[in-house]
mmCIF file of all heavy atoms, coordinates in Angstrom:
data_MODEL
# 
_entry.id   MODEL 
# 
loop_
_atom_site.group_PDB 
_atom_site.id 
_atom_site.type_symbol 
_atom_site.label_atom_id 
_atom_site.label_alt_id 
_atom_site.label_comp_id 
_atom_site.label_asym_id 
_atom_site.label_entity_id 
_atom_site.label_seq_id 
_atom_site.pdbx_PDB_ins_code 
_atom_site.Cartn_x 
_atom_site.Cartn_y 
_atom_site.Cartn_z 
_atom_site.occupancy 
_atom_site.B_iso_or_equiv 
_atom_site.pdbx_formal_charge 
_atom_site.auth_seq_id 
_atom_site.auth_comp_id 
_atom_site.auth_asym_id 
_atom_site.auth_atom_id 
_atom_site.pdbx_PDB_model_num 
ATOM 1   N N   . CYS A 1 1  ? -17.738 -2.849  11.624 1.00 0.00 ? 1  CYS A N   1 
ATOM 2   C CA  . CYS A 1 1  ? -16.351 -2.934  12.092 1.00 0.00 ? 1  CYS A CA  1 
ATOM 3   C C   . CYS A 1 1  ? -15.527 -3.758  11.104 1.00 0.00 ? 1  CYS A C   1 
ATOM 4   O O   . CYS A 1 1  ? -16.066 -4.605  10.383 1.00 0.00 ? 1  CYS A O   1 
ATOM 5   C CB  . CYS A 1 1  ? -16.265 -3.520  13.497 1.00 0.00 ? 1  CYS A CB  1 
ATOM 6   S SG  . CYS A 1 1  ? -17.063 -5.126  13.702 1.00 0.00 ? 1  CYS A SG  1 
ATOM 7   N N   . VAL A 1 2  ? -14.213 -3.508  11.093 1.00 0.00 ? 2  VAL A N   1 
ATOM 8   C CA  . VAL A 1 2  ? -13.343 -4.099  10.069 1.00 0.00 ? 2  VAL A CA  1 
ATOM 9   C C   . VAL A 1 2  ? -12.029 -4.564  10.690 1.00 0.00 ? 2  VAL A C   1 
ATOM 10  O O   . VAL A 1 2  ? -11.462 -3.886  11.559 1.00 0.00 ? 2  VAL A O   1 
ATOM 11  C CB  . VAL A 1 2  ? -13.042 -3.069  8.950  1.00 0.00 ? 2  VAL A CB  1 
ATOM 12  C CG1 . VAL A 1 2  ? -12.002 -3.613  7.969  1.00 0.00 ? 2  VAL A CG1 1 
ATOM 13  C CG2 . VAL A 1 2  ? -14.316 -2.687  8.221  1.00 0.00 ? 2  VAL A CG2 1 
ATOM 14  N N   . VAL A 1 3  ? -11.550 -5.711  10.222 1.00 0.00 ? 3  VAL A N   1 
ATOM 15  C CA  . VAL A 1 3  ? -10.199 -6.186  10.511 1.00 0.00 ? 3  VAL A CA  1 
ATOM 16  C C   . VAL A 1 3  ? -9.469  -6.328  9.182  1.00 0.00 ? 3  VAL A C   1 
ATOM 17  O O   . VAL A 1 3  ? -10.035 -6.863  8.219  1.00 0.00 ? 3  VAL A O   1 
ATOM 18  C CB  . VAL A 1 3  ? -10.218 -7.553  11.227 1.00 0.00 ? 3  VAL A CB  1 
ATOM 19  C CG1 . VAL A 1 3  ? -8.802  -8.116  11.360 1.00 0.00 ? 3  VAL A CG1 1 
ATOM 20  C CG2 . VAL A 1 3  ? -10.852 -7.426  12.596 1.00 0.00 ? 3  VAL A CG2 1 
ATOM 21  N N   . THR A 1 4  ? -8.238  -5.841  9.119  1.00 0.00 ? 4  THR A N   1 
ATOM 22  C CA  . THR A 1 4  ? -7.409  -6.071  7.936  1.00 0.00 ? 4  THR A CA  1 
ATOM 23  C C   . THR A 1 4  ? -6.326  -7.082  8.285  1.00 0.00 ? 4  THR A C   1 
ATOM 24  O O   . THR A 1 4  ? -5.876  -7.156  9.431  1.00 0.00 ? 4  THR A O   1 
ATOM 25  C CB  . THR A 1 4  ? -6.754  -4.774  7.431  1.00 0.00 ? 4  THR A CB  1 
ATOM 26  O OG1 . THR A 1 4  ? -5.855  -4.255  8.431  1.00 0.00 ? 4  THR A OG1 1 
ATOM 27  C CG2 . THR A 1 4  ? -7.807  -3.737  7.090  1.00 0.00 ? 4  THR A CG2 1 
ATOM 28  N N   . ALA A 1 5  ? -5.901  -7.873  7.293  1.00 0.00 ? 5  ALA A N   1 
ATOM 29  C CA  . ALA A 1 5  ? -4.883  -8.892  7.527  1.00 0.00 ? 5  ALA A CA  1 
ATOM 30  C C   . ALA A 1 5  ? -3.935  -8.930  6.339  1.00 0.00 ? 5  ALA A C   1 
ATOM 31  O O   . ALA A 1 5  ? -4.364  -9.096  5.194  1.00 0.00 ? 5  ALA A O   1 
ATOM 32  C CB  . ALA A 1 5  ? -5.529  -10.262 7.739  1.00 0.00 ? 5  ALA A CB  1 
ATOM 33  N N   . GLU A 1 6  ? -2.644  -8.778  6.628  1.00 0.00 ? 6  GLU A N   1 
ATOM 34  C CA  . GLU A 1 6  ? -1.646  -8.741  5.559  1.00 0.00 ? 6  GLU A CA  1 
ATOM 35  C C   . GLU A 1 6  ? -0.323  -9.319  6.044  1.00 0.00 ? 6  GLU A C   1 
ATOM 36  O O   . GLU A 1 6  ? 0.026   -9.218  7.220  1.00 0.00 ? 6  GLU A O   1 
ATOM 37  C CB  . GLU A 1 6  ? -1.432  -7.299  5.081  1.00 0.00 ? 6  GLU A CB  1 
ATOM 38  C CG  . GLU A 1 6  ? -0.982  -6.338  6.186  1.00 0.00 ? 6  GLU A CG  1 
ATOM 39  C CD  . GLU A 1 6  ? -1.065  -4.883  5.754  1.00 0.00 ? 6  GLU A CD  1 
ATOM 40  O OE1 . GLU A 1 6  ? -0.563  -4.556  4.671  1.00 0.00 ? 6  GLU A OE1 1 
ATOM 41  O OE2 . GLU A 1 6  ? -1.635  -4.080  6.516  1.00 0.00 ? 6  GLU A OE2 1 
ATOM 42  N N   . GLU A 1 7  ? 0.412   -9.918  5.146  1.00 0.00 ? 7  GLU A N   1 
ATOM 43  C CA  . GLU A 1 7  ? 1.750   -10.444 5.407  1.00 0.00 ? 7  GLU A CA  1 
ATOM 44  C C   . GLU A 1 7  ? 2.749   -9.332  5.050  1.00 0.00 ? 7  GLU A C   1 
ATOM 45  O O   . GLU A 1 7  ? 3.584   -9.472  4.165  1.00 0.00 ? 7  GLU A O   1 
ATOM 46  C CB  . GLU A 1 7  ? 1.973   -11.709 4.565  1.00 0.00 ? 7  GLU A CB  1 
ATOM 47  C CG  . GLU A 1 7  ? 3.273   -12.426 4.828  1.00 0.00 ? 7  GLU A CG  1 
ATOM 48  C CD  . GLU A 1 7  ? 3.761   -13.190 3.614  1.00 0.00 ? 7  GLU A CD  1 
ATOM 49  O OE1 . GLU A 1 7  ? 3.218   -13.012 2.504  1.00 0.00 ? 7  GLU A OE1 1 
ATOM 50  O OE2 . GLU A 1 7  ? 4.698   -13.976 3.782  1.00 0.00 ? 7  GLU A OE2 1 
ATOM 51  N N   . HIS A 1 8  ? 2.643   -8.237  5.761  1.00 0.00 ? 8  HIS A N   1 
ATOM 52  C CA  . HIS A 1 8  ? 3.347   -6.993  5.419  1.00 0.00 ? 8  HIS A CA  1 
ATOM 53  C C   . HIS A 1 8  ? 3.256   -6.081  6.632  1.00 0.00 ? 8  HIS A C   1 
ATOM 54  O O   . HIS A 1 8  ? 2.419   -6.283  7.517  1.00 0.00 ? 8  HIS A O   1 
ATOM 55  C CB  . HIS A 1 8  ? 2.653   -6.348  4.199  1.00 0.00 ? 8  HIS A CB  1 
ATOM 56  C CG  . HIS A 1 8  ? 3.274   -5.074  3.704  1.00 0.00 ? 8  HIS A CG  1 
ATOM 57  N ND1 . HIS A 1 8  ? 2.941   -3.843  4.218  1.00 0.00 ? 8  HIS A ND1 1 
ATOM 58  C CD2 . HIS A 1 8  ? 4.185   -4.845  2.731  1.00 0.00 ? 8  HIS A CD2 1 
ATOM 59  C CE1 . HIS A 1 8  ? 3.621   -2.910  3.581  1.00 0.00 ? 8  HIS A CE1 1 
ATOM 60  N NE2 . HIS A 1 8  ? 4.395   -3.491  2.682  1.00 0.00 ? 8  HIS A NE2 1 
ATOM 61  N N   . SER A 1 9  ? 4.076   -5.076  6.670  1.00 0.00 ? 9  SER A N   1 
ATOM 62  C CA  . SER A 1 9  ? 3.991   -4.107  7.751  1.00 0.00 ? 9  SER A CA  1 
ATOM 63  C C   . SER A 1 9  ? 2.632   -3.403  7.754  1.00 0.00 ? 9  SER A C   1 
ATOM 64  O O   . SER A 1 9  ? 2.087   -3.081  6.689  1.00 0.00 ? 9  SER A O   1 
ATOM 65  C CB  . SER A 1 9  ? 5.097   -3.050  7.589  1.00 0.00 ? 9  SER A CB  1 
ATOM 66  O OG  . SER A 1 9  ? 4.936   -2.003  8.522  1.00 0.00 ? 9  SER A OG  1 
ATOM 67  N N   . VAL A 1 10 ? 2.097   -3.153  8.951  1.00 0.00 ? 10 VAL A N   1 
ATOM 68  C CA  . VAL A 1 10 ? 0.852   -2.382  9.036  1.00 0.00 ? 10 VAL A CA  1 
ATOM 69  C C   . VAL A 1 10 ? 1.096   -0.923  8.680  1.00 0.00 ? 10 VAL A C   1 
ATOM 70  O O   . VAL A 1 10 ? 0.140   -0.170  8.428  1.00 0.00 ? 10 VAL A O   1 
ATOM 71  C CB  . VAL A 1 10 ? 0.218   -2.475  10.442 1.00 0.00 ? 10 VAL A CB  1 
ATOM 72  C CG1 . VAL A 1 10 ? -0.196  -3.907  10.745 1.00 0.00 ? 10 VAL A CG1 1 
ATOM 73  C CG2 . VAL A 1 10 ? 1.162   -1.945  11.515 1.00 0.00 ? 10 VAL A CG2 1 
ATOM 74  N N   . ASN A 1 11 ? 2.358   -0.515  8.654  1.00 0.00 ? 11 ASN A N   1 
ATOM 75  C CA  . ASN A 1 11 ? 2.704   0.856   8.269  1.00 0.00 ? 11 ASN A CA  1 
ATOM 76  C C   . ASN A 1 11 ? 2.765   0.965   6.748  1.00 0.00 ? 11 ASN A C   1 
ATOM 77  O O   . ASN A 1 11 ? 3.683   0.454   6.115  1.00 0.00 ? 11 ASN A O   1 
ATOM 78  C CB  . ASN A 1 11 ? 4.060   1.261   8.863  1.00 0.00 ? 11 ASN A CB  1 
ATOM 79  C CG  . ASN A 1 11 ? 4.071   1.223   10.374 1.00 0.00 ? 11 ASN A CG  1 
ATOM 80  O OD1 . ASN A 1 11 ? 3.085   1.586   10.998 1.00 0.00 ? 11 ASN A OD1 1 
ATOM 81  N ND2 . ASN A 1 11 ? 5.169   0.780   10.967 1.00 0.00 ? 11 ASN A ND2 1 
ATOM 82  N N   . GLY A 1 12 ? 1.770   1.597   6.173  1.00 0.00 ? 12 GLY A N   1 
ATOM 83  C CA  . GLY A 1 12 ? 1.788   1.846   4.735  1.00 0.00 ? 12 GLY A CA  1 
ATOM 84  C C   . GLY A 1 12 ? 1.205   0.757   3.866  1.00 0.00 ? 12 GLY A C   1 
ATOM 85  O O   . GLY A 1 12 ? 1.195   0.885   2.644  1.00 0.00 ? 12 GLY A O   1 
ATOM 86  N N   . GLY A 1 13 ? 0.703   -0.319  4.467  1.00 0.00 ? 13 GLY A N   1 
ATOM 87  C CA  . GLY A 1 13 ? 0.202   -1.426  3.677  1.00 0.00 ? 13 GLY A CA  1 
ATOM 88  C C   . GLY A 1 13 ? -1.303  -1.412  3.503  1.00 0.00 ? 13 GLY A C   1 
ATOM 89  O O   . GLY A 1 13 ? -1.942  -0.355  3.481  1.00 0.00 ? 13 GLY A O   1 
ATOM 90  N N   . LEU A 1 14 ? -1.875  -2.604  3.418  1.00 0.00 ? 14 LEU A N   1 
ATOM 91  C CA  . LEU A 1 14 ? -3.319  -2.742  3.213  1.00 0.00 ? 14 LEU A CA  1 
ATOM 92  C C   . LEU A 1 14 ? -4.107  -2.087  4.338  1.00 0.00 ? 14 LEU A C   1 
ATOM 93  O O   . LEU A 1 14 ? -5.107  -1.403  4.100  1.00 0.00 ? 14 LEU A O   1 
ATOM 94  C CB  . LEU A 1 14 ? -3.691  -4.217  3.106  1.00 0.00 ? 14 LEU A CB  1 
ATOM 95  C CG  . LEU A 1 14 ? -5.193  -4.542  3.083  1.00 0.00 ? 14 LEU A CG  1 
ATOM 96  C CD1 . LEU A 1 14 ? -5.848  -3.995  1.824  1.00 0.00 ? 14 LEU A CD1 1 
ATOM 97  C CD2 . LEU A 1 14 ? -5.422  -6.046  3.213  1.00 0.00 ? 14 LEU A CD2 1 
ATOM 98  N N   . GLY A 1 15 ? -3.683  -2.310  5.576  1.00 0.00 ? 15 GLY A N   1 
ATOM 99  C CA  . GLY A 1 15 ? -4.412  -1.765  6.719  1.00 0.00 ? 15 GLY A CA  1 
ATOM 100 C C   . GLY A 1 15 ? -4.560  -0.263  6.651  1.00 0.00 ? 15 GLY A C   1 
ATOM 101 O O   . GLY A 1 15 ? -5.658  0.272   6.859  1.00 0.00 ? 15 GLY A O   1 
ATOM 102 N N   . GLU A 1 16 ? -3.463  0.423   6.358  1.00 0.00 ? 16 GLU A N   1 
ATOM 103 C CA  . GLU A 1 16 ? -3.538  1.885   6.272  1.00 0.00 ? 16 GLU A CA  1 
ATOM 104 C C   . GLU A 1 16 ? -4.375  2.322   5.076  1.00 0.00 ? 16 GLU A C   1 
ATOM 105 O O   . GLU A 1 16 ? -5.099  3.323   5.155  1.00 0.00 ? 16 GLU A O   1 
ATOM 106 C CB  . GLU A 1 16 ? -2.134  2.485   6.203  1.00 0.00 ? 16 GLU A CB  1 
ATOM 107 C CG  . GLU A 1 16 ? -1.452  2.522   7.555  1.00 0.00 ? 16 GLU A CG  1 
ATOM 108 C CD  . GLU A 1 16 ? -0.295  3.499   7.601  1.00 0.00 ? 16 GLU A CD  1 
ATOM 109 O OE1 . GLU A 1 16 ? 0.015   4.136   6.573  1.00 0.00 ? 16 GLU A OE1 1 
ATOM 110 O OE2 . GLU A 1 16 ? 0.318   3.624   8.678  1.00 0.00 ? 16 GLU A OE2 1 
ATOM 111 N N   . ALA A 1 17 ? -4.293  1.590   3.976  1.00 0.00 ? 17 ALA A N   1 
ATOM 112 C CA  . ALA A 1 17 ? -5.092  1.937   2.799  1.00 0.00 ? 17 ALA A CA  1 
ATOM 113 C C   . ALA A 1 17 ? -6.588  1.830   3.109  1.00 0.00 ? 17 ALA A C   1 
ATOM 114 O O   . ALA A 1 17 ? -7.382  2.707   2.749  1.00 0.00 ? 17 ALA A O   1 
ATOM 115 C CB  . ALA A 1 17 ? -4.720  1.033   1.626  1.00 0.00 ? 17 ALA A CB  1 
ATOM 116 N N   . VAL A 1 18 ? -6.972  0.750   3.803  1.00 0.00 ? 18 VAL A N   1 
ATOM 117 C CA  . VAL A 1 18 ? -8.380  0.544   4.147  1.00 0.00 ? 18 VAL A CA  1 
ATOM 118 C C   . VAL A 1 18 ? -8.836  1.572   5.180  1.00 0.00 ? 18 VAL A C   1 
ATOM 119 O O   . VAL A 1 18 ? -9.920  2.163   5.058  1.00 0.00 ? 18 VAL A O   1 
ATOM 120 C CB  . VAL A 1 18 ? -8.599  -0.895  4.663  1.00 0.00 ? 18 VAL A CB  1 
ATOM 121 C CG1 . VAL A 1 18 ? -9.988  -1.051  5.281  1.00 0.00 ? 18 VAL A CG1 1 
ATOM 122 C CG2 . VAL A 1 18 ? -8.408  -1.895  3.530  1.00 0.00 ? 18 VAL A CG2 1 
ATOM 123 N N   . ALA A 1 19 ? -8.014  1.805   6.207  1.00 0.00 ? 19 ALA A N   1 
ATOM 124 C CA  . ALA A 1 19 ? -8.381  2.772   7.236  1.00 0.00 ? 19 ALA A CA  1 
ATOM 125 C C   . ALA A 1 19 ? -8.550  4.170   6.648  1.00 0.00 ? 19 ALA A C   1 
ATOM 126 O O   . ALA A 1 19 ? -9.488  4.904   7.004  1.00 0.00 ? 19 ALA A O   1 
ATOM 127 C CB  . ALA A 1 19 ? -7.324  2.781   8.338  1.00 0.00 ? 19 ALA A CB  1 
ATOM 128 N N   . HIS A 1 20 ? -7.669  4.544   5.754  1.00 0.00 ? 20 HIS A N   1 
ATOM 129 C CA  . HIS A 1 20 ? -7.766  5.849   5.090  1.00 0.00 ? 20 HIS A CA  1 
ATOM 130 C C   . HIS A 1 20 ? -9.052  5.957   4.286  1.00 0.00 ? 20 HIS A C   1 
ATOM 131 O O   . HIS A 1 20 ? -9.786  6.952   4.363  1.00 0.00 ? 20 HIS A O   1 
ATOM 132 C CB  . HIS A 1 20 ? -6.558  6.048   4.178  1.00 0.00 ? 20 HIS A CB  1 
ATOM 133 C CG  . HIS A 1 20 ? -6.537  7.352   3.460  1.00 0.00 ? 20 HIS A CG  1 
ATOM 134 N ND1 . HIS A 1 20 ? -5.707  7.601   2.381  1.00 0.00 ? 20 HIS A ND1 1 
ATOM 135 C CD2 . HIS A 1 20 ? -7.254  8.496   3.629  1.00 0.00 ? 20 HIS A CD2 1 
ATOM 136 C CE1 . HIS A 1 20 ? -5.915  8.827   1.947  1.00 0.00 ? 20 HIS A CE1 1 
ATOM 137 N NE2 . HIS A 1 20 ? -6.844  9.390   2.674  1.00 0.00 ? 20 HIS A NE2 1 
ATOM 138 N N   . ALA A 1 21 ? -9.354  4.905   3.522  1.00 0.00 ? 21 ALA A N   1 
ATOM 139 C CA  . ALA A 1 21 ? -10.561 4.919   2.691  1.00 0.00 ? 21 ALA A CA  1 
ATOM 140 C C   . ALA A 1 21 ? -11.819 5.012   3.554  1.00 0.00 ? 21 ALA A C   1 
ATOM 141 O O   . ALA A 1 21 ? -12.753 5.768   3.248  1.00 0.00 ? 21 ALA A O   1 
ATOM 142 C CB  . ALA A 1 21 ? -10.606 3.660   1.827  1.00 0.00 ? 21 ALA A CB  1 
ATOM 143 N N   . LEU A 1 22 ? -11.853 4.253   4.651  1.00 0.00 ? 22 LEU A N   1 
ATOM 144 C CA  . LEU A 1 22 ? -13.041 4.266   5.512  1.00 0.00 ? 22 LEU A CA  1 
ATOM 145 C C   . LEU A 1 22 ? -13.165 5.568   6.290  1.00 0.00 ? 22 LEU A C   1 
ATOM 146 O O   . LEU A 1 22 ? -14.283 6.021   6.576  1.00 0.00 ? 22 LEU A O   1 
ATOM 147 C CB  . LEU A 1 22 ? -13.003 3.076   6.471  1.00 0.00 ? 22 LEU A CB  1 
ATOM 148 C CG  . LEU A 1 22 ? -13.158 1.695   5.818  1.00 0.00 ? 22 LEU A CG  1 
ATOM 149 C CD1 . LEU A 1 22 ? -13.004 0.595   6.851  1.00 0.00 ? 22 LEU A CD1 1 
ATOM 150 C CD2 . LEU A 1 22 ? -14.504 1.576   5.099  1.00 0.00 ? 22 LEU A CD2 1 
ATOM 151 N N   . ALA A 1 23 ? -12.054 6.184   6.637  1.00 0.00 ? 23 ALA A N   1 
ATOM 152 C CA  . ALA A 1 23 ? -12.110 7.475   7.332  1.00 0.00 ? 23 ALA A CA  1 
ATOM 153 C C   . ALA A 1 23 ? -12.798 8.525   6.480  1.00 0.00 ? 23 ALA A C   1 
ATOM 154 O O   . ALA A 1 23 ? -13.468 9.428   6.991  1.00 0.00 ? 23 ALA A O   1 
ATOM 155 C CB  . ALA A 1 23 ? -10.697 7.931   7.696  1.00 0.00 ? 23 ALA A CB  1 
ATOM 156 N N   . GLU A 1 24 ? -12.681 8.389   5.162  1.00 0.00 ? 24 GLU A N   1 
ATOM 157 C CA  . GLU A 1 24 ? -13.272 9.368   4.244  1.00 0.00 ? 24 GLU A CA  1 
ATOM 158 C C   . GLU A 1 24 ? -14.676 8.991   3.799  1.00 0.00 ? 24 GLU A C   1 
ATOM 159 O O   . GLU A 1 24 ? -15.413 9.846   3.297  1.00 0.00 ? 24 GLU A O   1 
ATOM 160 C CB  . GLU A 1 24 ? -12.371 9.520   3.013  1.00 0.00 ? 24 GLU A CB  1 
ATOM 161 C CG  . GLU A 1 24 ? -11.021 10.157  3.303  1.00 0.00 ? 24 GLU A CG  1 
ATOM 162 C CD  . GLU A 1 24 ? -10.229 10.448  2.046  1.00 0.00 ? 24 GLU A CD  1 
ATOM 163 O OE1 . GLU A 1 24 ? -10.432 9.734   1.033  1.00 0.00 ? 24 GLU A OE1 1 
ATOM 164 O OE2 . GLU A 1 24 ? -9.409  11.380  2.053  1.00 0.00 ? 24 GLU A OE2 1 
ATOM 165 N N   . THR A 1 25 ? -15.046 7.712   3.954  1.00 0.00 ? 25 THR A N   1 
ATOM 166 C CA  . THR A 1 25 ? -16.333 7.274   3.409  1.00 0.00 ? 25 THR A CA  1 
ATOM 167 C C   . THR A 1 25 ? -17.286 6.684   4.443  1.00 0.00 ? 25 THR A C   1 
ATOM 168 O O   . THR A 1 25 ? -18.488 6.985   4.432  1.00 0.00 ? 25 THR A O   1 
ATOM 169 C CB  . THR A 1 25 ? -16.108 6.211   2.312  1.00 0.00 ? 25 THR A CB  1 
ATOM 170 O OG1 . THR A 1 25 ? -15.383 5.103   2.878  1.00 0.00 ? 25 THR A OG1 1 
ATOM 171 C CG2 . THR A 1 25 ? -15.343 6.790   1.129  1.00 0.00 ? 25 THR A CG2 1 
# 
């Protein structure tokens, strides 16, 4: 399981990048 943390919107930021990568791998 994974938690992402960023000082940025969850829309389009680190969280979405990580979720996209993990969805494929």
